[in-house]
Amino acid sequence: MKRFVLSGALLLAGCGSAAGLQPAPGQSLPVAPRGANATPTPAELLTPTPQQRPQRSDELLRRSDERRSDEFDLPPG
């Protein structure tokens, strides 16, 4: 069982590639999207757009304020 887990881990570790991505031999990049002037490069295709990876838009709390009393916060009963 340990051999199976170890060999699986080694196979998964070898899946990553540090080299630049290129199309398979005999293949080309996808056609340019409708309305685009040129075919995007592999780096452009792998770069997420702001819609795919939005930035945080919430503001951090900068000061602490006392809450006003709530007349409807009554004990049960």
N, C-alpha and C. Protein backbone atom coordinates (compact mmCIF):
# COMPACT_ATOMS: atom_id res chain seq x y z
N MET A 1 0.83 -1.19 0.00
CA MET A 1 0.00 0.00 0.00
C MET A 1 0.87 1.26 0.00
N LYS A 2 1.95 1.23 0.78
CA LYS A 2 2.83 2.39 0.84
C LYS A 2 3.49 2.66 -0.51
N ARG A 3 3.82 1.58 -1.23
CA ARG A 3 4.44 1.75 -2.55
C ARG A 3 3.47 2.43 -3.50
N PHE A 4 2.21 2.04 -3.43
CA PHE A 4 1.20 2.62 -4.30
C PHE A 4 1.04 4.11 -4.02
N VAL A 5 0.99 4.49 -2.76
CA VAL A 5 0.85 5.89 -2.38
C VAL A 5 2.09 6.68 -2.79
N LEU A 6 3.27 6.11 -2.57
CA LEU A 6 4.51 6.78 -2.93
C LEU A 6 4.63 6.96 -4.44
N SER A 7 4.28 5.94 -5.20
CA SER A 7 4.37 6.06 -6.66
C SER A 7 3.34 7.06 -7.18
N GLY A 8 2.15 7.10 -6.58
CA GLY A 8 1.15 8.08 -6.98
C GLY A 8 1.60 9.49 -6.68
N ALA A 9 2.24 9.69 -5.54
CA ALA A 9 2.75 11.01 -5.18
C ALA A 9 3.86 11.45 -6.13
N LEU A 10 4.73 10.53 -6.51
CA LEU A 10 5.79 10.87 -7.46
C LEU A 10 5.23 11.21 -8.84
N LEU A 11 4.20 10.48 -9.26
CA LEU A 11 3.58 10.79 -10.55
C LEU A 11 2.94 12.16 -10.54
N LEU A 12 2.26 12.49 -9.45
CA LEU A 12 1.64 13.81 -9.35
C LEU A 12 2.67 14.91 -9.28
N ALA A 13 3.79 14.65 -8.63
CA ALA A 13 4.84 15.67 -8.52
C ALA A 13 5.46 15.95 -9.88
N GLY A 14 5.48 14.98 -10.77
CA GLY A 14 6.06 15.16 -12.09
C GLY A 14 5.13 15.80 -13.09
N CYS A 15 3.89 16.08 -12.71
CA CYS A 15 2.92 16.66 -13.64
C CYS A 15 3.22 18.13 -13.93
N GLY A 16 3.78 18.84 -13.00
CA GLY A 16 4.03 20.27 -13.20
C GLY A 16 5.16 20.49 -14.18
N SER A 17 5.06 21.58 -14.91
CA SER A 17 6.10 21.90 -15.88
C SER A 17 6.57 23.32 -15.65
N ALA A 18 7.86 23.52 -15.64
CA ALA A 18 8.41 24.86 -15.43
C ALA A 18 8.66 25.56 -16.76
N ALA A 19 8.61 24.84 -17.87
CA ALA A 19 8.88 25.43 -19.18
C ALA A 19 7.65 26.19 -19.66
N GLY A 20 7.87 27.09 -20.62
CA GLY A 20 6.77 27.85 -21.20
C GLY A 20 5.82 26.93 -21.98
N LEU A 21 4.55 27.28 -22.00
CA LEU A 21 3.57 26.47 -22.70
C LEU A 21 3.61 26.76 -24.19
N GLN A 22 3.54 25.73 -24.98
CA GLN A 22 3.52 25.83 -26.43
C GLN A 22 2.43 24.90 -26.95
N PRO A 23 1.84 25.20 -28.11
CA PRO A 23 0.86 24.28 -28.68
C PRO A 23 1.53 22.96 -29.04
N ALA A 24 0.74 21.90 -29.09
CA ALA A 24 1.26 20.59 -29.46
C ALA A 24 1.81 20.64 -30.88
N PRO A 25 2.78 19.80 -31.20
CA PRO A 25 3.33 19.81 -32.57
C PRO A 25 2.22 19.57 -33.60
N GLY A 26 2.23 20.38 -34.63
CA GLY A 26 1.21 20.26 -35.67
C GLY A 26 -0.07 21.00 -35.35
N GLN A 27 -0.17 21.59 -34.18
CA GLN A 27 -1.37 22.32 -33.76
C GLN A 27 -1.05 23.82 -33.71
N SER A 28 -2.08 24.62 -33.71
CA SER A 28 -1.88 26.06 -33.59
C SER A 28 -2.70 26.58 -32.42
N LEU A 29 -2.47 27.83 -32.07
CA LEU A 29 -3.25 28.45 -31.00
C LEU A 29 -4.70 28.60 -31.45
N PRO A 30 -5.63 28.74 -30.54
CA PRO A 30 -7.02 28.96 -30.93
C PRO A 30 -7.16 30.23 -31.78
N VAL A 31 -8.22 30.28 -32.56
CA VAL A 31 -8.43 31.45 -33.41
C VAL A 31 -8.72 32.66 -32.54
N ALA A 32 -8.52 33.83 -33.11
CA ALA A 32 -8.75 35.08 -32.37
C ALA A 32 -10.23 35.21 -32.04
N PRO A 33 -10.56 35.71 -30.86
CA PRO A 33 -11.96 35.92 -30.50
C PRO A 33 -12.60 36.95 -31.43
N ARG A 34 -13.91 36.88 -31.54
CA ARG A 34 -14.64 37.80 -32.40
C ARG A 34 -14.40 39.23 -31.93
N GLY A 35 -14.01 40.08 -32.85
CA GLY A 35 -13.75 41.48 -32.54
C GLY A 35 -12.32 41.77 -32.15
N ALA A 36 -11.48 40.75 -31.94
CA ALA A 36 -10.08 40.97 -31.57
C ALA A 36 -9.25 41.17 -32.84
N ASN A 37 -8.21 41.96 -32.73
CA ASN A 37 -7.35 42.24 -33.88
C ASN A 37 -6.31 41.14 -34.10
N ALA A 38 -5.90 40.45 -33.03
CA ALA A 38 -4.85 39.45 -33.14
C ALA A 38 -5.18 38.25 -32.26
N THR A 39 -4.53 37.13 -32.55
CA THR A 39 -4.68 35.93 -31.73
C THR A 39 -3.92 36.13 -30.42
N PRO A 40 -4.54 35.86 -29.26
CA PRO A 40 -3.84 36.04 -27.99
C PRO A 40 -2.69 35.04 -27.84
N THR A 41 -1.66 35.46 -27.15
CA THR A 41 -0.53 34.58 -26.86
C THR A 41 -0.90 33.65 -25.70
N PRO A 42 -0.12 32.57 -25.49
CA PRO A 42 -0.42 31.69 -24.35
C PRO A 42 -0.41 32.43 -23.01
N ALA A 43 0.50 33.39 -22.84
CA ALA A 43 0.55 34.14 -21.58
C ALA A 43 -0.72 34.97 -21.40
N GLU A 44 -1.21 35.56 -22.48
CA GLU A 44 -2.45 36.35 -22.39
C GLU A 44 -3.65 35.47 -22.09
N LEU A 45 -3.66 34.25 -22.64
CA LEU A 45 -4.76 33.33 -22.38
C LEU A 45 -4.77 32.84 -20.94
N LEU A 46 -3.58 32.77 -20.31
CA LEU A 46 -3.48 32.27 -18.93
C LEU A 46 -3.63 33.36 -17.89
N THR A 47 -3.61 34.62 -18.29
CA THR A 47 -3.74 35.73 -17.34
C THR A 47 -5.23 35.96 -17.06
N PRO A 48 -5.66 35.83 -15.78
CA PRO A 48 -7.08 36.03 -15.48
C PRO A 48 -7.48 37.49 -15.63
N THR A 49 -8.69 37.69 -16.09
CA THR A 49 -9.23 39.04 -16.23
C THR A 49 -9.73 39.53 -14.87
N PRO A 50 -9.97 40.83 -14.72
CA PRO A 50 -10.51 41.32 -13.45
C PRO A 50 -11.87 40.68 -13.10
N GLN A 51 -12.63 40.28 -14.09
CA GLN A 51 -13.91 39.64 -13.81
C GLN A 51 -13.70 38.23 -13.26
N GLN A 52 -12.65 37.54 -13.71
CA GLN A 52 -12.37 36.20 -13.22
C GLN A 52 -11.71 36.21 -11.85
N ARG A 53 -10.97 37.25 -11.54
CA ARG A 53 -10.29 37.35 -10.24
C ARG A 53 -10.42 38.78 -9.73
N PRO A 54 -11.58 39.11 -9.15
CA PRO A 54 -11.80 40.49 -8.71
C PRO A 54 -10.96 40.85 -7.49
N GLN A 55 -10.73 42.13 -7.34
CA GLN A 55 -10.00 42.65 -6.18
C GLN A 55 -10.98 42.82 -5.02
N ARG A 56 -10.45 42.87 -3.80
CA ARG A 56 -11.31 43.13 -2.65
C ARG A 56 -11.83 44.55 -2.72
N SER A 57 -13.10 44.71 -2.44
CA SER A 57 -13.68 46.04 -2.50
C SER A 57 -14.24 46.51 -1.16
N ASP A 58 -14.12 45.66 -0.14
CA ASP A 58 -14.65 46.07 1.15
C ASP A 58 -13.62 46.89 1.92
N GLU A 59 -14.09 47.88 2.62
CA GLU A 59 -13.23 48.77 3.39
C GLU A 59 -13.00 48.20 4.78
N LEU A 60 -11.79 48.24 5.24
CA LEU A 60 -11.49 47.78 6.59
C LEU A 60 -12.02 48.77 7.61
N LEU A 61 -12.37 48.27 8.77
CA LEU A 61 -12.85 49.12 9.85
C LEU A 61 -11.67 49.95 10.36
N ARG A 62 -11.77 51.24 10.27
CA ARG A 62 -10.67 52.11 10.65
C ARG A 62 -10.82 52.66 12.07
N ARG A 63 -12.02 52.71 12.58
CA ARG A 63 -12.19 53.18 13.95
C ARG A 63 -13.35 52.41 14.58
N SER A 64 -13.33 52.35 15.88
CA SER A 64 -14.35 51.61 16.61
C SER A 64 -15.35 52.60 17.19
N ASP A 65 -16.61 52.41 16.87
CA ASP A 65 -17.67 53.27 17.39
C ASP A 65 -18.57 52.47 18.32
N GLU A 66 -19.09 53.14 19.33
CA GLU A 66 -20.07 52.52 20.22
C GLU A 66 -21.37 52.34 19.45
N ARG A 67 -22.01 51.19 19.66
CA ARG A 67 -23.31 50.98 19.05
C ARG A 67 -24.37 51.72 19.84
N ARG A 68 -25.35 52.25 19.13
CA ARG A 68 -26.44 52.90 19.84
C ARG A 68 -27.34 51.82 20.44
N SER A 69 -28.08 52.17 21.44
CA SER A 69 -28.92 51.18 22.13
C SER A 69 -30.04 50.72 21.20
N ASP A 70 -30.42 49.47 21.38
CA ASP A 70 -31.48 48.87 20.58
C ASP A 70 -32.67 48.60 21.49
N GLU A 71 -33.75 49.35 21.29
CA GLU A 71 -34.91 49.19 22.17
C GLU A 71 -35.60 47.84 21.99
N PHE A 72 -35.36 47.18 20.86
CA PHE A 72 -36.04 45.91 20.59
C PHE A 72 -35.22 44.71 21.04
N ASP A 73 -34.03 44.93 21.58
CA ASP A 73 -33.20 43.83 22.09
C ASP A 73 -33.63 43.53 23.52
N LEU A 74 -34.71 42.77 23.64
CA LEU A 74 -35.28 42.44 24.95
C LEU A 74 -34.94 41.02 25.34
N PRO A 75 -34.86 40.74 26.65
CA PRO A 75 -34.61 39.36 27.07
C PRO A 75 -35.84 38.49 26.75
N PRO A 76 -35.61 37.18 26.55
CA PRO A 76 -36.75 36.29 26.26
C PRO A 76 -37.68 36.21 27.45
N GLY A 77 -38.95 35.99 27.16
CA GLY A 77 -39.85 35.75 28.29
C GLY A 77 -41.09 36.44 28.17
